[in-house]
Amino acid sequence: MKIDGTKIKILRKKLKLTIQQLADEVRLSPSA
């Protein structure tokens, strides 16, 4: 199964979220 991680970035940017904000929302580390 191949995952396209750039789609995470696309959705994040559409919601105008920083990586840190997304990390806080989904309870994952910003580096991950």
PDB file of all heavy atoms in Angstrom:
ATOM      1  N   MET A   1       0.850  -1.181   0.000  1.00  0.00           N
ATOM      2  CA  MET A   1       0.000   0.000   0.000  1.00  0.00           C
ATOM      3  C   MET A   1       0.890   1.235   0.000  1.00  0.00           C
ATOM      4  O   MET A   1       1.691   1.444   0.888  1.00  0.00           O
ATOM      5  CB  MET A   1      -0.892  -0.051   1.247  1.00  0.00           C
ATOM      6  CG  MET A   1      -1.671   1.184   1.504  1.00  0.00           C
ATOM      7  SD  MET A   1      -2.935   1.003   2.778  1.00  0.00           S
ATOM      8  CE  MET A   1      -1.989   0.913   4.266  1.00  0.00           C
ATOM      9  N   LYS A   2       0.759   2.064  -1.022  1.00  0.00           N
ATOM     10  CA  LYS A   2       1.551   3.281  -1.153  1.00  0.00           C
ATOM     11  C   LYS A   2       0.704   4.471  -0.712  1.00  0.00           C
ATOM     12  O   LYS A   2      -0.418   4.646  -1.164  1.00  0.00           O
ATOM     13  CB  LYS A   2       1.994   3.450  -2.610  1.00  0.00           C
ATOM     14  CG  LYS A   2       2.796   4.673  -2.871  1.00  0.00           C
ATOM     15  CD  LYS A   2       4.243   4.331  -3.121  1.00  0.00           C
ATOM     16  CE  LYS A   2       4.986   5.525  -3.670  1.00  0.00           C
ATOM     17  NZ  LYS A   2       5.662   6.295  -2.695  1.00  0.00           N
ATOM     18  N   ILE A   3       1.250   5.261   0.179  1.00  0.00           N
ATOM     19  CA  ILE A   3       0.563   6.434   0.730  1.00  0.00           C
ATOM     20  C   ILE A   3       1.195   7.697   0.166  1.00  0.00           C
ATOM     21  O   ILE A   3       2.418   7.804   0.094  1.00  0.00           O
ATOM     22  CB  ILE A   3       0.674   6.451   2.269  1.00  0.00           C
ATOM     23  CG1 ILE A   3       0.120   5.168   2.874  1.00  0.00           C
ATOM     24  CG2 ILE A   3       0.000   7.674   2.865  1.00  0.00           C
ATOM     25  CD1 ILE A   3      -1.327   4.912   2.578  1.00  0.00           C
ATOM     26  N   ASP A   4       0.357   8.663  -0.211  1.00  0.00           N
ATOM     27  CA  ASP A   4       0.845   9.950  -0.700  1.00  0.00           C
ATOM     28  C   ASP A   4       0.775  10.960   0.441  1.00  0.00           C
ATOM     29  O   ASP A   4      -0.273  11.541   0.710  1.00  0.00           O
ATOM     30  CB  ASP A   4       0.008  10.408  -1.893  1.00  0.00           C
ATOM     31  CG  ASP A   4       0.536  11.683  -2.531  1.00  0.00           C
ATOM     32  OD1 ASP A   4       1.484  12.276  -1.989  1.00  0.00           O
ATOM     33  OD2 ASP A   4       0.007  12.072  -3.583  1.00  0.00           O
ATOM     34  N   GLY A   5       1.899  11.173   1.124  1.00  0.00           N
ATOM     35  CA  GLY A   5       1.951  12.088   2.256  1.00  0.00           C
ATOM     36  C   GLY A   5       1.758  13.536   1.880  1.00  0.00           C
ATOM     37  O   GLY A   5       1.367  14.358   2.714  1.00  0.00           O
ATOM     38  N   THR A   6       2.005  13.882   0.608  1.00  0.00           N
ATOM     39  CA  THR A   6       1.815  15.280   0.205  1.00  0.00           C
ATOM     40  C   THR A   6       0.347  15.686   0.322  1.00  0.00           C
ATOM     41  O   THR A   6       0.043  16.868   0.465  1.00  0.00           O
ATOM     42  CB  THR A   6       2.305  15.518  -1.237  1.00  0.00           C
ATOM     43  OG1 THR A   6       1.558  14.686  -2.129  1.00  0.00           O
ATOM     44  CG2 THR A   6       3.787  15.244  -1.371  1.00  0.00           C
ATOM     45  N   LYS A   7      -0.563  14.711   0.297  1.00  0.00           N
ATOM     46  CA  LYS A   7      -1.983  15.033   0.433  1.00  0.00           C
ATOM     47  C   LYS A   7      -2.301  15.547   1.836  1.00  0.00           C
ATOM     48  O   LYS A   7      -3.220  16.336   2.011  1.00  0.00           O
ATOM     49  CB  LYS A   7      -2.839  13.823   0.068  1.00  0.00           C
ATOM     50  CG  LYS A   7      -2.767  13.504  -1.422  1.00  0.00           C
ATOM     51  CD  LYS A   7      -3.668  12.361  -1.788  1.00  0.00           C
ATOM     52  CE  LYS A   7      -3.600  12.109  -3.285  1.00  0.00           C
ATOM     53  NZ  LYS A   7      -4.531  11.049  -3.688  1.00  0.00           N
ATOM     54  N   ILE A   8      -1.532  15.111   2.820  1.00  0.00           N
ATOM     55  CA  ILE A   8      -1.692  15.646   4.181  1.00  0.00           C
ATOM     56  C   ILE A   8      -1.374  17.130   4.161  1.00  0.00           C
ATOM     57  O   ILE A   8      -2.107  17.953   4.697  1.00  0.00           O
ATOM     58  CB  ILE A   8      -0.796  14.894   5.189  1.00  0.00           C
ATOM     59  CG1 ILE A   8      -1.186  13.419   5.266  1.00  0.00           C
ATOM     60  CG2 ILE A   8      -0.864  15.556   6.574  1.00  0.00           C
ATOM     61  CD1 ILE A   8      -0.193  12.550   6.001  1.00  0.00           C
ATOM     62  N   LYS A   9      -0.278  17.466   3.490  1.00  0.00           N
ATOM     63  CA  LYS A   9       0.148  18.869   3.393  1.00  0.00           C
ATOM     64  C   LYS A   9      -0.891  19.705   2.654  1.00  0.00           C
ATOM     65  O   LYS A   9      -1.215  20.822   3.067  1.00  0.00           O
ATOM     66  CB  LYS A   9       1.500  18.957   2.692  1.00  0.00           C
ATOM     67  CG  LYS A   9       2.054  20.351   2.619  1.00  0.00           C
ATOM     68  CD  LYS A   9       3.435  20.345   2.000  1.00  0.00           C
ATOM     69  CE  LYS A   9       4.066  21.720   2.013  1.00  0.00           C
ATOM     70  NZ  LYS A   9       5.426  21.688   1.474  1.00  0.00           N
ATOM     71  N   ILE A  10      -1.431  19.167   1.569  1.00  0.00           N
ATOM     72  CA  ILE A  10      -2.434  19.893   0.788  1.00  0.00           C
ATOM     73  C   ILE A  10      -3.652  20.219   1.652  1.00  0.00           C
ATOM     74  O   ILE A  10      -4.114  21.365   1.690  1.00  0.00           O
ATOM     75  CB  ILE A  10      -2.841  19.074  -0.459  1.00  0.00           C
ATOM     76  CG1 ILE A  10      -1.683  19.028  -1.457  1.00  0.00           C
ATOM     77  CG2 ILE A  10      -4.096  19.643  -1.113  1.00  0.00           C
ATOM     78  CD1 ILE A  10      -1.855  17.999  -2.555  1.00  0.00           C
ATOM     79  N   LEU A  11      -4.158  19.220   2.369  1.00  0.00           N
ATOM     80  CA  LEU A  11      -5.332  19.443   3.223  1.00  0.00           C
ATOM     81  C   LEU A  11      -5.007  20.392   4.371  1.00  0.00           C
ATOM     82  O   LEU A  11      -5.810  21.250   4.729  1.00  0.00           O
ATOM     83  CB  LEU A  11      -5.861  18.117   3.751  1.00  0.00           C
ATOM     84  CG  LEU A  11      -6.462  17.174   2.709  1.00  0.00           C
ATOM     85  CD1 LEU A  11      -6.806  15.839   3.346  1.00  0.00           C
ATOM     86  CD2 LEU A  11      -7.689  17.783   2.067  1.00  0.00           C
ATOM     87  N   ARG A  12      -3.825  20.242   4.945  1.00  0.00           N
ATOM     88  CA  ARG A  12      -3.413  21.103   6.053  1.00  0.00           C
ATOM     89  C   ARG A  12      -3.367  22.558   5.585  1.00  0.00           C
ATOM     90  O   ARG A  12      -3.878  23.456   6.252  1.00  0.00           O
ATOM     91  CB  ARG A  12      -2.042  20.669   6.579  1.00  0.00           C
ATOM     92  CG  ARG A  12      -1.489  21.573   7.677  1.00  0.00           C
ATOM     93  CD  ARG A  12      -0.144  21.096   8.198  1.00  0.00           C
ATOM     94  NE  ARG A  12       0.913  21.049   7.219  1.00  0.00           N
ATOM     95  CZ  ARG A  12       1.598  22.126   6.784  1.00  0.00           C
ATOM     96  NH1 ARG A  12       1.292  23.327   7.231  1.00  0.00           N
ATOM     97  NH2 ARG A  12       2.574  21.986   5.908  1.00  0.00           N
ATOM     98  N   LYS A  13      -2.781  22.787   4.429  1.00  0.00           N
ATOM     99  CA  LYS A  13      -2.669  24.163   3.908  1.00  0.00           C
ATOM    100  C   LYS A  13      -4.031  24.745   3.554  1.00  0.00           C
ATOM    101  O   LYS A  13      -4.264  25.936   3.746  1.00  0.00           O
ATOM    102  CB  LYS A  13      -1.733  24.187   2.708  1.00  0.00           C
ATOM    103  CG  LYS A  13      -0.300  23.866   3.085  1.00  0.00           C
ATOM    104  CD  LYS A  13       0.638  24.817   2.436  1.00  0.00           C
ATOM    105  CE  LYS A  13       2.045  24.524   2.871  1.00  0.00           C
ATOM    106  NZ  LYS A  13       2.648  25.641   3.522  1.00  0.00           N
ATOM    107  N   LYS A  14      -4.944  23.898   3.036  1.00  0.00           N
ATOM    108  CA  LYS A  14      -6.292  24.385   2.718  1.00  0.00           C
ATOM    109  C   LYS A  14      -7.012  24.856   3.970  1.00  0.00           C
ATOM    110  O   LYS A  14      -7.831  25.764   3.919  1.00  0.00           O
ATOM    111  CB  LYS A  14      -7.103  23.309   2.003  1.00  0.00           C
ATOM    112  CG  LYS A  14      -6.715  23.155   0.555  1.00  0.00           C
ATOM    113  CD  LYS A  14      -7.610  22.183  -0.170  1.00  0.00           C
ATOM    114  CE  LYS A  14      -7.152  22.077  -1.607  1.00  0.00           C
ATOM    115  NZ  LYS A  14      -8.017  21.220  -2.401  1.00  0.00           N
ATOM    116  N   LEU A  15      -6.700  24.227   5.093  1.00  0.00           N
ATOM    117  CA  LEU A  15      -7.300  24.644   6.364  1.00  0.00           C
ATOM    118  C   LEU A  15      -6.487  25.734   7.058  1.00  0.00           C
ATOM    119  O   LEU A  15      -6.816  26.139   8.171  1.00  0.00           O
ATOM    120  CB  LEU A  15      -7.451  23.435   7.295  1.00  0.00           C
ATOM    121  CG  LEU A  15      -8.419  22.355   6.835  1.00  0.00           C
ATOM    122  CD1 LEU A  15      -8.468  21.214   7.837  1.00  0.00           C
ATOM    123  CD2 LEU A  15      -9.805  22.914   6.618  1.00  0.00           C
ATOM    124  N   LYS A  16      -5.399  26.153   6.402  1.00  0.00           N
ATOM    125  CA  LYS A  16      -4.526  27.210   6.921  1.00  0.00           C
ATOM    126  C   LYS A  16      -3.966  26.862   8.300  1.00  0.00           C
ATOM    127  O   LYS A  16      -3.939  27.680   9.212  1.00  0.00           O
ATOM    128  CB  LYS A  16      -5.259  28.544   6.953  1.00  0.00           C
ATOM    129  CG  LYS A  16      -5.648  29.031   5.577  1.00  0.00           C
ATOM    130  CD  LYS A  16      -6.343  30.371   5.636  1.00  0.00           C
ATOM    131  CE  LYS A  16      -6.529  30.882   4.237  1.00  0.00           C
ATOM    132  NZ  LYS A  16      -7.835  30.980   3.753  1.00  0.00           N
ATOM    133  N   LEU A  17      -3.511  25.605   8.423  1.00  0.00           N
ATOM    134  CA  LEU A  17      -2.920  25.136   9.675  1.00  0.00           C
ATOM    135  C   LEU A  17      -1.417  24.989   9.505  1.00  0.00           C
ATOM    136  O   LEU A  17      -0.939  24.592   8.443  1.00  0.00           O
ATOM    137  CB  LEU A  17      -3.495  23.770  10.058  1.00  0.00           C
ATOM    138  CG  LEU A  17      -4.977  23.686  10.399  1.00  0.00           C
ATOM    139  CD1 LEU A  17      -5.397  22.242  10.574  1.00  0.00           C
ATOM    140  CD2 LEU A  17      -5.276  24.476  11.657  1.00  0.00           C
ATOM    141  N   THR A  18      -0.677  25.299  10.548  1.00  0.00           N
ATOM    142  CA  THR A  18       0.750  25.000  10.560  1.00  0.00           C
ATOM    143  C   THR A  18       0.920  23.526  10.924  1.00  0.00           C
ATOM    144  O   THR A  18      -0.018  22.881  11.398  1.00  0.00           O
ATOM    145  CB  THR A  18       1.492  25.864  11.604  1.00  0.00           C
ATOM    146  OG1 THR A  18       1.011  25.504  12.905  1.00  0.00           O
ATOM    147  CG2 THR A  18       1.285  27.348  11.355  1.00  0.00           C
ATOM    148  N   ILE A  19       2.119  23.015  10.724  1.00  0.00           N
ATOM    149  CA  ILE A  19       2.384  21.630  11.128  1.00  0.00           C
ATOM    150  C   ILE A  19       2.155  21.485  12.632  1.00  0.00           C
ATOM    151  O   ILE A  19       1.572  20.507  13.083  1.00  0.00           O
ATOM    152  CB  ILE A  19       3.815  21.201  10.725  1.00  0.00           C
ATOM    153  CG1 ILE A  19       3.898  21.018   9.212  1.00  0.00           C
ATOM    154  CG2 ILE A  19       4.217  19.916  11.429  1.00  0.00           C
ATOM    155  CD1 ILE A  19       5.273  20.659   8.685  1.00  0.00           C
ATOM    156  N   GLN A  20       2.589  22.476  13.400  1.00  0.00           N
ATOM    157  CA  GLN A  20       2.409  22.423  14.857  1.00  0.00           C
ATOM    158  C   GLN A  20       0.930  22.396  15.235  1.00  0.00           C
ATOM    159  O   GLN A  20       0.513  21.629  16.106  1.00  0.00           O
ATOM    160  CB  GLN A  20       3.095  23.616  15.528  1.00  0.00           C
ATOM    161  CG  GLN A  20       2.986  23.611  17.052  1.00  0.00           C
ATOM    162  CD  GLN A  20       3.693  22.420  17.690  1.00  0.00           C
ATOM    163  OE1 GLN A  20       4.872  22.217  17.461  1.00  0.00           O
ATOM    164  NE2 GLN A  20       2.973  21.626  18.473  1.00  0.00           N
ATOM    165  N   GLN A  21       0.110  23.216  14.567  1.00  0.00           N
ATOM    166  CA  GLN A  21      -1.324  23.242  14.866  1.00  0.00           C
ATOM    167  C   GLN A  21      -1.973  21.899  14.537  1.00  0.00           C
ATOM    168  O   GLN A  21      -2.792  21.390  15.309  1.00  0.00           O
ATOM    169  CB  GLN A  21      -2.012  24.362  14.081  1.00  0.00           C
ATOM    170  CG  GLN A  21      -1.658  25.749  14.584  1.00  0.00           C
ATOM    171  CD  GLN A  21      -2.142  26.840  13.642  1.00  0.00           C
ATOM    172  OE1 GLN A  21      -2.108  26.693  12.428  1.00  0.00           O
ATOM    173  NE2 GLN A  21      -2.582  27.950  14.231  1.00  0.00           N
ATOM    174  N   LEU A  22      -1.602  21.328  13.385  1.00  0.00           N
ATOM    175  CA  LEU A  22      -2.141  20.019  13.022  1.00  0.00           C
ATOM    176  C   LEU A  22      -1.692  18.968  14.029  1.00  0.00           C
ATOM    177  O   LEU A  22      -2.488  18.141  14.468  1.00  0.00           O
ATOM    178  CB  LEU A  22      -1.706  19.618  11.609  1.00  0.00           C
ATOM    179  CG  LEU A  22      -2.148  18.230  11.136  1.00  0.00           C
ATOM    180  CD1 LEU A  22      -3.670  18.089  11.171  1.00  0.00           C
ATOM    181  CD2 LEU A  22      -1.608  17.950   9.744  1.00  0.00           C
ATOM    182  N   ALA A  23      -0.434  19.025  14.426  1.00  0.00           N
ATOM    183  CA  ALA A  23       0.093  18.070  15.407  1.00  0.00           C
ATOM    184  C   ALA A  23      -0.686  18.154  16.714  1.00  0.00           C
ATOM    185  O   ALA A  23      -1.034  17.126  17.308  1.00  0.00           O
ATOM    186  CB  ALA A  23       1.579  18.337  15.649  1.00  0.00           C
ATOM    187  N   ASP A  24      -0.983  19.362  17.158  1.00  0.00           N
ATOM    188  CA  ASP A  24      -1.758  19.537  18.387  1.00  0.00           C
ATOM    189  C   ASP A  24      -3.166  18.962  18.239  1.00  0.00           C
ATOM    190  O   ASP A  24      -3.692  18.348  19.169  1.00  0.00           O
ATOM    191  CB  ASP A  24      -1.860  21.021  18.762  1.00  0.00           C
ATOM    192  CG  ASP A  24      -0.526  21.604  19.200  1.00  0.00           C
ATOM    193  OD1 ASP A  24       0.410  20.831  19.522  1.00  0.00           O
ATOM    194  OD2 ASP A  24      -0.395  22.850  19.191  1.00  0.00           O
ATOM    195  N   GLU A  25      -3.777  19.158  17.075  1.00  0.00           N
ATOM    196  CA  GLU A  25      -5.144  18.682  16.838  1.00  0.00           C
ATOM    197  C   GLU A  25      -5.235  17.162  16.804  1.00  0.00           C
ATOM    198  O   GLU A  25      -6.185  16.585  17.315  1.00  0.00           O
ATOM    199  CB  GLU A  25      -5.697  19.250  15.526  1.00  0.00           C
ATOM    200  CG  GLU A  25      -5.988  20.733  15.563  1.00  0.00           C
ATOM    201  CD  GLU A  25      -7.173  21.081  16.445  1.00  0.00           C
ATOM    202  OE1 GLU A  25      -8.119  20.283  16.544  1.00  0.00           O
ATOM    203  OE2 GLU A  25      -7.145  22.165  17.048  1.00  0.00           O
ATOM    204  N   VAL A  26      -4.256  16.518  16.160  1.00  0.00           N
ATOM    205  CA  VAL A  26      -4.331  15.059  15.980  1.00  0.00           C
ATOM    206  C   VAL A  26      -3.466  14.297  16.972  1.00  0.00           C
ATOM    207  O   VAL A  26      -3.377  13.084  16.919  1.00  0.00           O
ATOM    208  CB  VAL A  26      -3.996  14.639  14.527  1.00  0.00           C
ATOM    209  CG1 VAL A  26      -4.999  15.222  13.552  1.00  0.00           C
ATOM    210  CG2 VAL A  26      -2.577  15.016  14.147  1.00  0.00           C
ATOM    211  N   ARG A  27      -2.822  15.030  17.878  1.00  0.00           N
ATOM    212  CA  ARG A  27      -2.012  14.417  18.940  1.00  0.00           C
ATOM    213  C   ARG A  27      -0.860  13.562  18.386  1.00  0.00           C
ATOM    214  O   ARG A  27      -0.634  12.446  18.817  1.00  0.00           O
ATOM    215  CB  ARG A  27      -2.871  13.569  19.873  1.00  0.00           C
ATOM    216  CG  ARG A  27      -4.021  14.307  20.506  1.00  0.00           C
ATOM    217  CD  ARG A  27      -3.538  15.132  21.676  1.00  0.00           C
ATOM    218  NE  ARG A  27      -4.648  15.586  22.481  1.00  0.00           N
ATOM    219  CZ  ARG A  27      -4.902  16.876  22.686  1.00  0.00           C
ATOM    220  NH1 ARG A  27      -4.142  17.785  22.167  1.00  0.00           N
ATOM    221  NH2 ARG A  27      -5.904  17.225  23.450  1.00  0.00           N
ATOM    222  N   LEU A  28      -0.156  14.134  17.388  1.00  0.00           N
ATOM    223  CA  LEU A  28       1.048  13.520  16.841  1.00  0.00           C
ATOM    224  C   LEU A  28       2.172  14.529  16.935  1.00  0.00           C
ATOM    225  O   LEU A  28       1.934  15.722  17.115  1.00  0.00           O
ATOM    226  CB  LEU A  28       0.832  13.110  15.380  1.00  0.00           C
ATOM    227  CG  LEU A  28      -0.203  12.022  15.120  1.00  0.00           C
ATOM    228  CD1 LEU A  28      -0.473  11.900  13.623  1.00  0.00           C
ATOM    229  CD2 LEU A  28       0.262  10.685  15.671  1.00  0.00           C
ATOM    230  N   SER A  29       3.394  14.081  16.769  1.00  0.00           N
ATOM    231  CA  SER A  29       4.513  15.020  16.846  1.00  0.00           C
ATOM    232  C   SER A  29       4.644  15.792  15.533  1.00  0.00           C
ATOM    233  O   SER A  29       4.376  15.247  14.457  1.00  0.00           O
ATOM    234  CB  SER A  29       5.822  14.287  17.149  1.00  0.00           C
ATOM    235  OG  SER A  29       6.258  13.589  16.010  1.00  0.00           O
ATOM    236  N   PRO A  30       5.044  17.068  15.615  1.00  0.00           N
ATOM    237  CA  PRO A  30       5.237  17.859  14.398  1.00  0.00           C
ATOM    238  C   PRO A  30       6.282  17.233  13.472  1.00  0.00           C
ATOM    239  O   PRO A  30       6.134  17.285  12.254  1.00  0.00           O
ATOM    240  CB  PRO A  30       5.705  19.223  14.907  1.00  0.00           C
ATOM    241  CG  PRO A  30       5.377  19.254  16.347  1.00  0.00           C
ATOM    242  CD  PRO A  30       5.280  17.846  16.820  1.00  0.00           C
ATOM    243  N   SER A  31       7.316  16.632  14.045  1.00  0.00           N
ATOM    244  CA  SER A  31       8.355  16.041  13.196  1.00  0.00           C
ATOM    245  C   SER A  31       7.804  14.856  12.409  1.00  0.00           C
ATOM    246  O   SER A  31       8.139  14.669  11.233  1.00  0.00           O
ATOM    247  CB  SER A  31       9.568  15.625  14.028  1.00  0.00           C
ATOM    248  OG  SER A  31       9.218  14.635  14.968  1.00  0.00           O
ATOM    249  N   ALA A  32       6.933  14.045  13.018  1.00  0.00           N
ATOM    250  CA  ALA A  32       6.328  12.918  12.301  1.00  0.00           C
ATOM    251  C   ALA A  32       5.469  13.428  11.145  1.00  0.00           C
ATOM    252  O   ALA A  32       5.553  12.916  10.025  1.00  0.00           O
ATOM    253  CB  ALA A  32       5.494  12.069  13.246  1.00  0.00           C
TER     254      ALA A  32
END
